[in-house]
C-alpha atoms as a PDB file:
ATOM      1  CA  UNK A   1      93.798-190.329 -80.160  1.00  0.00           C
ATOM      2  CA  UNK A   2      96.586-192.055 -77.876  1.00  0.00           C
ATOM      3  CA  UNK A   3      93.679-194.057 -74.970  1.00  0.00           C
ATOM      4  CA  UNK A   4      95.339-195.370 -72.283  1.00  0.00           C
ATOM      5  CA  UNK A   5      92.997-193.596 -68.889  1.00  0.00           C
ATOM      6  CA  UNK A   6      90.822-195.270 -67.313  1.00  0.00           C
ATOM      7  CA  UNK A   7      87.907-192.995 -66.013  1.00  0.00           C
ATOM      8  CA  UNK A   8      87.097-193.865 -62.898  1.00  0.00           C
ATOM      9  CA  UNK A   9      83.929-192.078 -61.096  1.00  0.00           C
ATOM     10  CA  UNK A  10      83.175-191.771 -57.366  1.00  0.00           C
ATOM     11  CA  UNK A  11      87.026-191.782 -57.206  1.00  0.00           C
ATOM     12  CA  UNK A  12      86.572-190.176 -53.521  1.00  0.00           C
ATOM     13  CA  UNK A  13      84.045-192.872 -52.410  1.00  0.00           C
ATOM     14  CA  UNK A  14      84.323-195.921 -50.225  1.00  0.00           C
ATOM     15  CA  UNK A  15      84.384-198.305 -52.866  1.00  0.00           C
ATOM     16  CA  UNK A  16      86.012-195.866 -56.307  1.00  0.00           C
ATOM     17  CA  UNK A  17      88.385-194.524 -53.678  1.00  0.00           C
ATOM     18  CA  UNK A  18      90.151-197.823 -53.585  1.00  0.00           C
ATOM     19  CA  UNK A  19      89.118-199.319 -56.978  1.00  0.00           C
ATOM     20  CA  UNK A  20      91.310-195.968 -58.209  1.00  0.00           C
ATOM     21  CA  UNK A  21      95.213-196.382 -59.861  1.00  0.00           C
ATOM     22  CA  UNK A  22      97.959-193.913 -60.124  1.00  0.00           C
ATOM     23  CA  UNK A  23      97.752-193.497 -63.708  1.00  0.00           C
ATOM     24  CA  UNK A  24      94.173-192.997 -63.806  1.00  0.00           C
ATOM     25  CA  UNK A  25      91.702-190.300 -63.931  1.00  0.00           C
ATOM     26  CA  UNK A  26      88.836-189.391 -61.315  1.00  0.00           C
ATOM     27  CA  UNK A  27      85.983-187.609 -61.995  1.00  0.00           C
ATOM     28  CA  UNK A  28      85.263-185.394 -59.139  1.00  0.00           C
ATOM     29  CA  UNK A  29      82.719-183.046 -58.466  1.00  0.00           C
ATOM     30  CA  UNK A  30      84.992-180.132 -56.204  1.00  0.00           C
ATOM     31  CA  UNK A  31      88.929-180.720 -55.971  1.00  0.00           C
ATOM     32  CA  UNK A  32      90.509-183.662 -54.077  1.00  0.00           C
ATOM     33  CA  UNK A  33      94.056-183.636 -55.217  1.00  0.00           C
ATOM     34  CA  UNK A  34      93.772-186.685 -56.412  1.00  0.00           C
ATOM     35  CA  UNK A  35      96.370-186.829 -59.838  1.00  0.00           C
ATOM     36  CA  UNK A  36      94.285-186.732 -62.946  1.00  0.00           C
ATOM     37  CA  UNK A  37      91.528-185.103 -61.638  1.00  0.00           C
ATOM     38  CA  UNK A  38      88.584-184.162 -63.757  1.00  0.00           C
ATOM     39  CA  UNK A  39      86.859-181.754 -61.839  1.00  0.00           C
ATOM     40  CA  UNK A  40      82.700-182.378 -62.989  1.00  0.00           C
ATOM     41  CA  UNK A  41      79.563-182.565 -62.265  1.00  0.00           C
ATOM     42  CA  UNK A  42      77.786-186.116 -63.575  1.00  0.00           C
ATOM     43  CA  UNK A  43      74.483-184.148 -63.846  1.00  0.00           C
ATOM     44  CA  UNK A  44      75.988-181.387 -66.755  1.00  0.00           C
ATOM     45  CA  UNK A  45      76.819-183.465 -70.072  1.00  0.00           C
ATOM     46  CA  UNK A  46      79.954-180.460 -70.700  1.00  0.00           C
ATOM     47  CA  UNK A  47      81.591-182.176 -68.203  1.00  0.00           C
ATOM     48  CA  UNK A  48      81.079-185.579 -68.899  1.00  0.00           C
ATOM     49  CA  UNK A  49      81.877-185.300 -72.773  1.00  0.00           C
ATOM     50  CA  UNK A  50      85.537-183.830 -71.727  1.00  0.00           C
ATOM     51  CA  UNK A  51      85.584-186.867 -68.437  1.00  0.00           C
ATOM     52  CA  UNK A  52      85.535-188.914 -71.671  1.00  0.00           C
ATOM     53  CA  UNK A  53      87.518-188.056 -74.474  1.00  0.00           C
ATOM     54  CA  UNK A  54      90.493-190.751 -74.233  1.00  0.00           C
ATOM     55  CA  UNK A  55      89.751-192.666 -72.338  1.00  0.00           C
ATOM     56  CA  UNK A  56      89.761-196.295 -72.782  1.00  0.00           C
ATOM     57  CA  UNK A  57      87.670-197.535 -69.721  1.00  0.00           C
ATOM     58  CA  UNK A  58      84.858-196.382 -67.697  1.00  0.00           C
ATOM     59  CA  UNK A  59      84.325-197.331 -63.933  1.00  0.00           C
ATOM     60  CA  UNK A  60      81.392-196.266 -62.704  1.00  0.00           C
ATOM     61  CA  UNK A  61      81.397-195.903 -59.174  1.00  0.00           C
ATOM     62  CA  UNK A  62      79.491-192.845 -57.978  1.00  0.00           C
ATOM     63  CA  UNK A  63      75.657-193.374 -57.245  1.00  0.00           C
ATOM     64  CA  UNK A  64      73.630-191.741 -55.024  1.00  0.00           C
ATOM     65  CA  UNK A  65      71.175-193.999 -52.346  1.00  0.00           C
ATOM     66  CA  UNK A  66      69.912-192.431 -49.411  1.00  0.00           C
ATOM     67  CA  UNK A  67      66.018-192.999 -47.281  1.00  0.00           C
ATOM     68  CA  UNK A  68      63.737-193.105 -49.940  1.00  0.00           C
ATOM     69  CA  UNK A  69      61.281-193.240 -47.297  1.00  0.00           C
ATOM     70  CA  UNK A  70      62.131-189.037 -47.874  1.00  0.00           C
ATOM     71  CA  UNK A  71      60.212-188.357 -50.862  1.00  0.00           C
ATOM     72  CA  UNK A  72      62.063-185.469 -52.043  1.00  0.00           C
ATOM     73  CA  UNK A  73      65.361-187.012 -52.186  1.00  0.00           C
ATOM     74  CA  UNK A  74      63.272-189.476 -54.948  1.00  0.00           C
ATOM     75  CA  UNK A  75      64.055-187.230 -57.660  1.00  0.00           C
ATOM     76  CA  UNK A  76      68.169-187.333 -56.518  1.00  0.00           C
ATOM     77  CA  UNK A  77      68.346-190.970 -57.535  1.00  0.00           C
ATOM     78  CA  UNK A  78      66.530-190.349 -61.040  1.00  0.00           C
ATOM     79  CA  UNK A  79      68.800-187.883 -61.860  1.00  0.00           C
ATOM     80  CA  UNK A  80      72.328-189.132 -60.241  1.00  0.00           C
ATOM     81  CA  UNK A  81      71.195-193.297 -60.428  1.00  0.00           C
ATOM     82  CA  UNK A  82      69.899-193.022 -64.042  1.00  0.00           C
ATOM     83  CA  UNK A  83      70.239-189.478 -66.379  1.00  0.00           C
ATOM     84  CA  UNK A  84      73.662-189.671 -64.903  1.00  0.00           C
ATOM     85  CA  UNK A  85      74.523-192.997 -66.326  1.00  0.00           C
ATOM     86  CA  UNK A  86      72.634-192.750 -68.986  1.00  0.00           C
ATOM     87  CA  UNK A  87      74.361-189.639 -69.836  1.00  0.00           C
ATOM     88  CA  UNK A  88      77.508-190.748 -69.214  1.00  0.00           C
ATOM     89  CA  UNK A  89      77.218-194.278 -71.157  1.00  0.00           C
ATOM     90  CA  UNK A  90      76.444-192.971 -74.042  1.00  0.00           C
ATOM     91  CA  UNK A  91      78.627-190.211 -73.815  1.00  0.00           C
ATOM     92  CA  UNK A  92      81.218-192.499 -73.725  1.00  0.00           C
ATOM     93  CA  UNK A  93      80.109-194.971 -76.048  1.00  0.00           C
ATOM     94  CA  UNK A  94      79.748-191.817 -78.748  1.00  0.00           C
ATOM     95  CA  UNK A  95      84.119-190.935 -77.778  1.00  0.00           C
ATOM     96  CA  UNK A  96      84.626-194.496 -78.613  1.00  0.00           C
ATOM     97  CA  UNK A  97      85.173-196.384 -75.690  1.00  0.00           C
ATOM     98  CA  UNK A  98      85.955-199.855 -75.382  1.00  0.00           C
ATOM     99  CA  UNK A  99      84.995-200.477 -71.942  1.00  0.00           C
ATOM    100  CA  UNK A 100      82.183-199.635 -69.597  1.00  0.00           C
ATOM    101  CA  UNK A 101      81.267-200.830 -66.300  1.00  0.00           C
ATOM    102  CA  UNK A 102      78.007-199.800 -64.585  1.00  0.00           C
ATOM    103  CA  UNK A 103      78.362-200.715 -60.438  1.00  0.00           C
ATOM    104  CA  UNK A 104      74.453-201.319 -60.032  1.00  0.00           C
ATOM    105  CA  UNK A 105      73.278-202.825 -56.417  1.00  0.00           C
ATOM    106  CA  UNK A 106      70.774-206.365 -55.939  1.00  0.00           C
ATOM    107  CA  UNK A 107      68.077-203.203 -55.407  1.00  0.00           C
ATOM    108  CA  UNK A 108      67.312-203.144 -58.905  1.00  0.00           C
ATOM    109  CA  UNK A 109      66.255-206.364 -58.017  1.00  0.00           C
ATOM    110  CA  UNK A 110      62.648-207.398 -56.090  1.00  0.00           C
ATOM    111  CA  UNK A 111      63.728-208.025 -52.819  1.00  0.00           C
ATOM    112  CA  UNK A 112      63.617-212.054 -52.591  1.00  0.00           C
ATOM    113  CA  UNK A 113      62.061-213.081 -49.322  1.00  0.00           C
ATOM    114  CA  UNK A 114      63.296-216.680 -48.857  1.00  0.00           C
ATOM    115  CA  UNK A 115      64.739-218.100 -52.103  1.00  0.00           C
ATOM    116  CA  UNK A 116      68.288-216.934 -52.466  1.00  0.00           C
ATOM    117  CA  UNK A 117      67.672-215.308 -55.707  1.00  0.00           C
ATOM    118  CA  UNK A 118      69.258-215.319 -58.774  1.00  0.00           C
ATOM    119  CA  UNK A 119      69.345-212.551 -61.702  1.00  0.00           C
ATOM    120  CA  UNK A 120      66.152-213.902 -63.422  1.00  0.00           C
ATOM    121  CA  UNK A 121      64.602-213.227 -60.717  1.00  0.00           C
ATOM    122  CA  UNK A 122      61.553-211.035 -62.124  1.00  0.00           C
ATOM    123  CA  UNK A 123      58.266-209.180 -60.686  1.00  0.00           C
ATOM    124  CA  UNK A 124      57.978-205.124 -59.987  1.00  0.00           C
ATOM    125  CA  UNK A 125      61.394-203.189 -57.890  1.00  0.00           C
ATOM    126  CA  UNK A 126      59.238-200.262 -56.132  1.00  0.00           C
ATOM    127  CA  UNK A 127      61.616-199.384 -54.497  1.00  0.00           C
ATOM    128  CA  UNK A 128      62.917-195.492 -55.964  1.00  0.00           C
ATOM    129  CA  UNK A 129      67.083-196.056 -55.674  1.00  0.00           C
ATOM    130  CA  UNK A 130      66.911-199.852 -57.276  1.00  0.00           C
ATOM    131  CA  UNK A 131      63.939-198.789 -60.294  1.00  0.00           C
ATOM    132  CA  UNK A 132      66.223-195.950 -60.578  1.00  0.00           C
ATOM    133  CA  UNK A 133      69.680-198.526 -61.060  1.00  0.00           C
ATOM    134  CA  UNK A 134      67.614-200.744 -62.813  1.00  0.00           C
ATOM    135  CA  UNK A 135      66.494-198.759 -65.553  1.00  0.00           C
ATOM    136  CA  UNK A 136      70.644-197.132 -65.951  1.00  0.00           C
ATOM    137  CA  UNK A 137      70.961-200.643 -66.711  1.00  0.00           C
ATOM    138  CA  UNK A 138      69.169-200.749 -69.224  1.00  0.00           C
ATOM    139  CA  UNK A 139      70.421-197.899 -70.806  1.00  0.00           C
ATOM    140  CA  UNK A 140      74.785-199.740 -70.496  1.00  0.00           C
ATOM    141  CA  UNK A 141      73.232-202.557 -72.600  1.00  0.00           C
ATOM    142  CA  UNK A 142      71.785-200.392 -75.245  1.00  0.00           C
ATOM    143  CA  UNK A 143      74.770-197.886 -75.176  1.00  0.00           C
ATOM    144  CA  UNK A 144      77.148-201.641 -75.565  1.00  0.00           C
ATOM    145  CA  UNK A 145      75.073-202.847 -78.309  1.00  0.00           C
ATOM    146  CA  UNK A 146      74.202-200.092 -80.524  1.00  0.00           C
ATOM    147  CA  UNK A 147      78.925-199.317 -80.688  1.00  0.00           C
ATOM    148  CA  UNK A 148      79.693-202.483 -79.885  1.00  0.00           C
ATOM    149  CA  UNK A 149      81.409-201.170 -76.676  1.00  0.00           C
ATOM    150  CA  UNK A 150      82.658-203.968 -73.948  1.00  0.00           C
ATOM    151  CA  UNK A 151      79.659-202.938 -71.191  1.00  0.00           C
ATOM    152  CA  UNK A 152      79.125-204.874 -68.426  1.00  0.00           C
ATOM    153  CA  UNK A 153      76.729-204.415 -64.966  1.00  0.00           C
ATOM    154  CA  UNK A 154      77.252-205.499 -62.080  1.00  0.00           C
ATOM    155  CA  UNK A 155      74.517-205.870 -58.975  1.00  0.00           C
ATOM    156  CA  UNK A 156      76.698-205.472 -55.463  1.00  0.00           C
ATOM    157  CA  UNK A 157      74.547-207.085 -52.389  1.00  0.00           C
ATOM    158  CA  UNK A 158      76.236-204.385 -49.280  1.00  0.00           C
ATOM    159  CA  UNK A 159      79.548-203.858 -49.277  1.00  0.00           C
ATOM    160  CA  UNK A 160      81.425-203.744 -46.282  1.00  0.00           C
ATOM    161  CA  UNK A 161      85.211-203.195 -45.329  1.00  0.00           C
ATOM    162  CA  UNK A 162      87.566-200.752 -43.846  1.00  0.00           C
ATOM    163  CA  UNK A 163      85.659-197.150 -44.922  1.00  0.00           C
ATOM    164  CA  UNK A 164      83.068-198.161 -44.871  1.00  0.00           C
ATOM    165  CA  UNK A 165      79.971-196.554 -43.538  1.00  0.00           C
ATOM    166  CA  UNK A 166      76.356-198.173 -43.315  1.00  0.00           C
ATOM    167  CA  UNK A 167      74.090-200.471 -40.960  1.00  0.00           C
ATOM    168  CA  UNK A 168      76.964-203.042 -40.472  1.00  0.00           C
ATOM    169  CA  UNK A 169      78.647-199.800 -38.754  1.00  0.00           C
ATOM    170  CA  UNK A 170      76.327-198.843 -36.780  1.00  0.00           C
ATOM    171  CA  UNK A 171      75.899-202.332 -35.800  1.00  0.00           C
ATOM    172  CA  UNK A 172      79.100-202.376 -35.247  1.00  0.00           C
ATOM    173  CA  UNK A 173      79.339-199.981 -32.462  1.00  0.00           C
ATOM    174  CA  UNK A 174      76.426-200.944 -30.779  1.00  0.00           C
ATOM    175  CA  UNK A 175      78.241-204.448 -30.107  1.00  0.00           C
ATOM    176  CA  UNK A 176      81.807-203.162 -28.635  1.00  0.00           C
ATOM    177  CA  UNK A 177      79.334-200.103 -26.760  1.00  0.00           C
ATOM    178  CA  UNK A 178      78.058-203.684 -25.450  1.00  0.00           C
ATOM    179  CA  UNK A 179      74.585-202.279 -26.237  1.00  0.00           C
ATOM    180  CA  UNK A 180      73.688-203.445 -29.491  1.00  0.00           C
ATOM    181  CA  UNK A 181      71.273-206.433 -28.201  1.00  0.00           C
ATOM    182  CA  UNK A 182      72.241-210.312 -28.657  1.00  0.00           C
ATOM    183  CA  UNK A 183      70.061-211.140 -31.493  1.00  0.00           C
ATOM    184  CA  UNK A 184      68.091-214.426 -31.475  1.00  0.00           C
ATOM    185  CA  UNK A 185      68.468-217.556 -34.519  1.00  0.00           C
ATOM    186  CA  UNK A 186      65.761-216.186 -37.482  1.00  0.00           C
ATOM    187  CA  UNK A 187      68.279-218.664 -39.283  1.00  0.00           C
ATOM    188  CA  UNK A 188      67.696-216.039 -42.262  1.00  0.00           C
ATOM    189  CA  UNK A 189      70.539-215.414 -44.902  1.00  0.00           C
ATOM    190  CA  UNK A 190      72.197-211.938 -45.907  1.00  0.00           C
ATOM    191  CA  UNK A 191      74.432-211.328 -49.133  1.00  0.00           C
ATOM    192  CA  UNK A 192      77.521-209.317 -48.096  1.00  0.00           C
ATOM    193  CA  UNK A 193      80.894-208.589 -50.496  1.00  0.00           C
ATOM    194  CA  UNK A 194      84.098-207.242 -49.173  1.00  0.00           C
ATOM    195  CA  UNK A 195      85.317-204.060 -50.973  1.00  0.00           C
ATOM    196  CA  UNK A 196      87.996-206.280 -51.875  1.00  0.00           C
ATOM    197  CA  UNK A 197      86.166-208.169 -53.625  1.00  0.00           C
ATOM    198  CA  UNK A 198      83.794-206.181 -55.413  1.00  0.00           C
ATOM    199  CA  UNK A 199      87.637-204.323 -57.246  1.00  0.00           C
ATOM    200  CA  UNK A 200      88.343-207.894 -57.819  1.00  0.00           C
ATOM    201  CA  UNK A 201      84.867-208.625 -59.854  1.00  0.00           C
ATOM    202  CA  UNK A 202      85.092-205.014 -61.655  1.00  0.00           C
ATOM    203  CA  UNK A 203      88.696-206.361 -63.289  1.00  0.00           C
ATOM    204  CA  UNK A 204      87.583-209.223 -63.640  1.00  0.00           C
ATOM    205  CA  UNK A 205      84.421-208.682 -65.767  1.00  0.00           C
ATOM    206  CA  UNK A 206      86.453-205.962 -68.028  1.00  0.00           C
ATOM    207  CA  UNK A 207      89.082-208.242 -69.164  1.00  0.00           C
ATOM    208  CA  UNK A 208      86.210-210.976 -70.072  1.00  0.00           C
ATOM    209  CA  UNK A 209      84.887-211.172 -73.552  1.00  0.00           C
ATOM    210  CA  UNK A 210      82.544-213.386 -72.065  1.00  0.00           C
ATOM    211  CA  UNK A 211      81.533-210.550 -70.403  1.00  0.00           C
ATOM    212  CA  UNK A 212      80.249-208.629 -72.817  1.00  0.00           C
ATOM    213  CA  UNK A 213      76.286-207.492 -72.581  1.00  0.00           C
ATOM    214  CA  UNK A 214      75.110-209.131 -69.105  1.00  0.00           C
ATOM    215  CA  UNK A 215      74.602-208.510 -65.882  1.00  0.00           C
ATOM    216  CA  UNK A 216      76.601-210.351 -62.988  1.00  0.00           C
ATOM    217  CA  UNK A 217      75.272-210.429 -58.909  1.00  0.00           C
ATOM    218  CA  UNK A 218      78.631-210.012 -57.511  1.00  0.00           C
ATOM    219  CA  UNK A 219      78.344-211.695 -53.729  1.00  0.00           C
ATOM    220  CA  UNK A 220      80.113-213.724 -51.035  1.00  0.00           C
ATOM    221  CA  UNK A 221      78.287-217.293 -51.704  1.00  0.00           C
ATOM    222  CA  UNK A 222      77.858-218.090 -47.794  1.00  0.00           C
ATOM    223  CA  UNK A 223      74.945-215.593 -46.870  1.00  0.00           C
ATOM    224  CA  UNK A 224      75.262-215.544 -43.326  1.00  0.00           C
ATOM    225  CA  UNK A 225      72.046-214.875 -40.505  1.00  0.00           C
ATOM    226  CA  UNK A 226      71.565-211.921 -38.716  1.00  0.00           C
ATOM    227  CA  UNK A 227      72.914-213.655 -36.175  1.00  0.00           C
ATOM    228  CA  UNK A 228      76.009-214.733 -37.416  1.00  0.00           C
ATOM    229  CA  UNK A 229      76.646-211.507 -38.365  1.00  0.00           C
ATOM    230  CA  UNK A 230      76.263-210.283 -34.411  1.00  0.00           C
ATOM    231  CA  UNK A 231      78.452-212.773 -33.222  1.00  0.00           C
ATOM    232  CA  UNK A 232      81.344-212.319 -35.985  1.00  0.00           C
ATOM    233  CA  UNK A 233      81.340-208.603 -35.178  1.00  0.00           C
ATOM    234  CA  UNK A 234      81.169-209.812 -30.965  1.00  0.00           C
ATOM    235  CA  UNK A 235      84.292-211.914 -31.705  1.00  0.00           C
ATOM    236  CA  UNK A 236      86.107-209.130 -32.790  1.00  0.00           C
ATOM    237  CA  UNK A 237      85.279-206.532 -30.687  1.00  0.00           C
ATOM    238  CA  UNK A 238      86.349-209.560 -28.557  1.00  0.00           C
ATOM    239  CA  UNK A 239      82.582-209.564 -26.220  1.00  0.00           C
ATOM    240  CA  UNK A 240      81.842-211.761 -24.439  1.00  0.00           C
ATOM    241  CA  UNK A 241      79.054-214.043 -24.989  1.00  0.00           C
ATOM    242  CA  UNK A 242      75.792-212.947 -23.642  1.00  0.00           C
ATOM    243  CA  UNK A 243      73.302-216.531 -22.843  1.00  0.00           C
ATOM    244  CA  UNK A 244      70.216-214.551 -23.204  1.00  0.00           C
ATOM    245  CA  UNK A 245      68.230-213.447 -26.697  1.00  0.00           C
ATOM    246  CA  UNK A 246      66.228-210.033 -27.417  1.00  0.00           C
ATOM    247  CA  UNK A 247      62.759-212.020 -28.731  1.00  0.00           C
ATOM    248  CA  UNK A 248      62.321-211.191 -32.313  1.00  0.00           C
ATOM    249  CA  UNK A 249      58.743-210.838 -31.448  1.00  0.00           C
ATOM    250  CA  UNK A 250      59.991-207.273 -29.340  1.00  0.00           C
ATOM    251  CA  UNK A 251      62.532-207.024 -31.727  1.00  0.00           C
ATOM    252  CA  UNK A 252      59.856-206.186 -34.840  1.00  0.00           C
ATOM    253  CA  UNK A 253      57.554-204.468 -31.885  1.00  0.00           C
ATOM    254  CA  UNK A 254      59.455-202.815 -31.379  1.00  0.00           C
ATOM    255  CA  UNK A 255      60.583-201.650 -34.952  1.00  0.00           C
ATOM    256  CA  UNK A 256      56.314-200.877 -35.156  1.00  0.00           C
ATOM    257  CA  UNK A 257      57.152-198.534 -32.839  1.00  0.00           C
ATOM    258  CA  UNK A 258      59.876-196.563 -34.365  1.00  0.00           C
ATOM    259  CA  UNK A 259      57.646-196.457 -37.436  1.00  0.00           C
ATOM    260  CA  UNK A 260      54.776-194.827 -35.722  1.00  0.00           C
ATOM    261  CA  UNK A 261      56.846-192.517 -33.422  1.00  0.00           C
ATOM    262  CA  UNK A 262      60.312-192.154 -34.867  1.00  0.00           C
ATOM    263  CA  UNK A 263      63.520-191.146 -32.774  1.00  0.00           C
ATOM    264  CA  UNK A 264      61.572-192.364 -29.892  1.00  0.00           C
ATOM    265  CA  UNK A 265      63.379-195.623 -28.682  1.00  0.00           C
ATOM    266  CA  UNK A 266      66.318-193.698 -27.752  1.00  0.00           C
ATOM    267  CA  UNK A 267      68.599-193.364 -31.635  1.00  0.00           C
ATOM    268  CA  UNK A 268      67.402-191.126 -33.059  1.00  0.00           C
ATOM    269  CA  UNK A 269      64.950-192.457 -36.089  1.00  0.00           C
ATOM    270  CA  UNK A 270      67.478-195.376 -36.964  1.00  0.00           C
ATOM    271  CA  UNK A 271      65.192-197.881 -35.572  1.00  0.00           C
ATOM    272  CA  UNK A 272      62.061-199.162 -37.408  1.00  0.00           C
ATOM    273  CA  UNK A 273      60.959-202.063 -39.119  1.00  0.00           C
ATOM    274  CA  UNK A 274      62.674-202.124 -42.026  1.00  0.00           C
ATOM    275  CA  UNK A 275      66.388-201.452 -39.710  1.00  0.00           C
ATOM    276  CA  UNK A 276      64.826-204.593 -37.720  1.00  0.00           C
ATOM    277  CA  UNK A 277      64.041-206.415 -41.059  1.00  0.00           C
ATOM    278  CA  UNK A 278      67.658-206.246 -42.114  1.00  0.00           C
ATOM    279  CA  UNK A 279      68.574-207.910 -38.867  1.00  0.00           C
ATOM    280  CA  UNK A 280      66.179-211.032 -39.282  1.00  0.00           C
ATOM    281  CA  UNK A 281      64.820-211.068 -42.323  1.00  0.00           C
ATOM    282  CA  UNK A 282      66.521-213.162 -45.353  1.00  0.00           C
ATOM    283  CA  UNK A 283      67.902-211.209 -48.412  1.00  0.00           C
ATOM    284  CA  UNK A 284      70.117-213.492 -50.104  1.00  0.00           C
ATOM    285  CA  UNK A 285      71.306-213.511 -53.403  1.00  0.00           C
ATOM    286  CA  UNK A 286      73.048-216.228 -55.318  1.00  0.00           C
ATOM    287  CA  UNK A 287      76.522-214.889 -57.603  1.00  0.00           C
ATOM    288  CA  UNK A 288      76.512-218.436 -59.072  1.00  0.00           C
ATOM    289  CA  UNK A 289      76.634-217.171 -62.772  1.00  0.00           C
ATOM    290  CA  UNK A 290      79.193-214.616 -62.258  1.00  0.00           C
ATOM    291  CA  UNK A 291      81.272-217.738 -60.936  1.00  0.00           C
ATOM    292  CA  UNK A 292      79.863-220.363 -63.583  1.00  0.00           C
ATOM    293  CA  UNK A 293      80.672-218.627 -66.383  1.00  0.00           C
ATOM    294  CA  UNK A 294      83.776-216.227 -66.603  1.00  0.00           C
ATOM    295  CA  UNK A 295      85.597-218.477 -63.166  1.00  0.00           C
ATOM    296  CA  UNK A 296      84.887-215.542 -60.147  1.00  0.00           C
ATOM    297  CA  UNK A 297      83.985-215.926 -57.087  1.00  0.00           C
ATOM    298  CA  UNK A 298      84.237-213.581 -53.792  1.00  0.00           C
ATOM    299  CA  UNK A 299      87.245-214.930 -50.897  1.00  0.00           C
ATOM    300  CA  UNK A 300      87.110-212.823 -48.420  1.00  0.00           C
ATOM    301  CA  UNK A 301      84.905-214.395 -45.574  1.00  0.00           C
ATOM    302  CA  UNK A 302      82.755-212.571 -43.100  1.00  0.00           C
ATOM    303  CA  UNK A 303      85.188-212.922 -40.523  1.00  0.00           C
ATOM    304  CA  UNK A 304      88.847-212.067 -42.732  1.00  0.00           C
ATOM    305  CA  UNK A 305      86.101-209.001 -43.379  1.00  0.00           C
ATOM    306  CA  UNK A 306      85.549-207.638 -40.333  1.00  0.00           C
ATOM    307  CA  UNK A 307      88.693-207.871 -39.264  1.00  0.00           C
ATOM    308  CA  UNK A 308      89.904-205.596 -42.164  1.00  0.00           C
ATOM    309  CA  UNK A 309      87.267-203.484 -41.722  1.00  0.00           C
ATOM    310  CA  UNK A 310      88.163-202.307 -37.581  1.00  0.00           C
ATOM    311  CA  UNK A 311      91.754-204.324 -37.373  1.00  0.00           C
ATOM    312  CA  UNK A 312      92.326-200.878 -35.850  1.00  0.00           C
ATOM    313  CA  UNK A 313      89.460-201.465 -33.407  1.00  0.00           C
ATOM    314  CA  UNK A 314      88.213-198.717 -33.541  1.00  0.00           C
ATOM    315  CA  UNK A 315      84.660-197.862 -35.019  1.00  0.00           C
ATOM    316  CA  UNK A 316      84.346-194.137 -36.448  1.00  0.00           C
END
């Protein structure tokens, strides 16, 4: 059987859509009009096995990431991140696929606090999303070892770029509109990576024999503070620098109030202790291992990345 296809899951998503090339085989849940697409559900073994036929490589970008405080969604993390990845990687291995790259997350590690964690950072992962990713990583390595398939787990820091959503896009809307408060400088460090650097890392590890059986953090080596991210967004939208700062203590108090009374601070349920912590506290991850072992390094800095993300100066 001729194997010249790369199967891309999550092909209509933020990362998968950028990664997909003309001759790839996208696995999608419903008809999307993509060339060579295979319609299927990652929770259905028959669909998975059919999608893996004649495939040389699998780039597994699909996943489920939602508010883990909503317990009704926790089962979906298990089904779509752990079970689906387990079934896909073992099906791929049994079908003779040569390479399997899994897009995991730094959330598969315990939060590092004030240090900049590397892949050896140990501890209990209590977050349902992160735990499901950690379980999936183990299955990827096991299947690769059992069948001699080239496998790599990539733990992505927060990914941003044109078409991206999440906290950074919400923050950008506020900065552009002028209602987002000027943040204090707390000296925290937040790891990010531009989507184009993620694409580069995927192709790099897929073609490097030394990457086989490894797990790598993918992040830009520079981890800006919340204030530095705010200032970069302000410059992107040509907003003047404010002469005042909202004190960190007041921001944390607002977050705690949002925990107790969701929606009461004027921005729905988006303001809580977690969102405030994402602005003021550190979450730093070191990508030195992938640089030292494979020679890969993220190239797109924050200013360049934000200009690409908002190059038409619109924020959806």
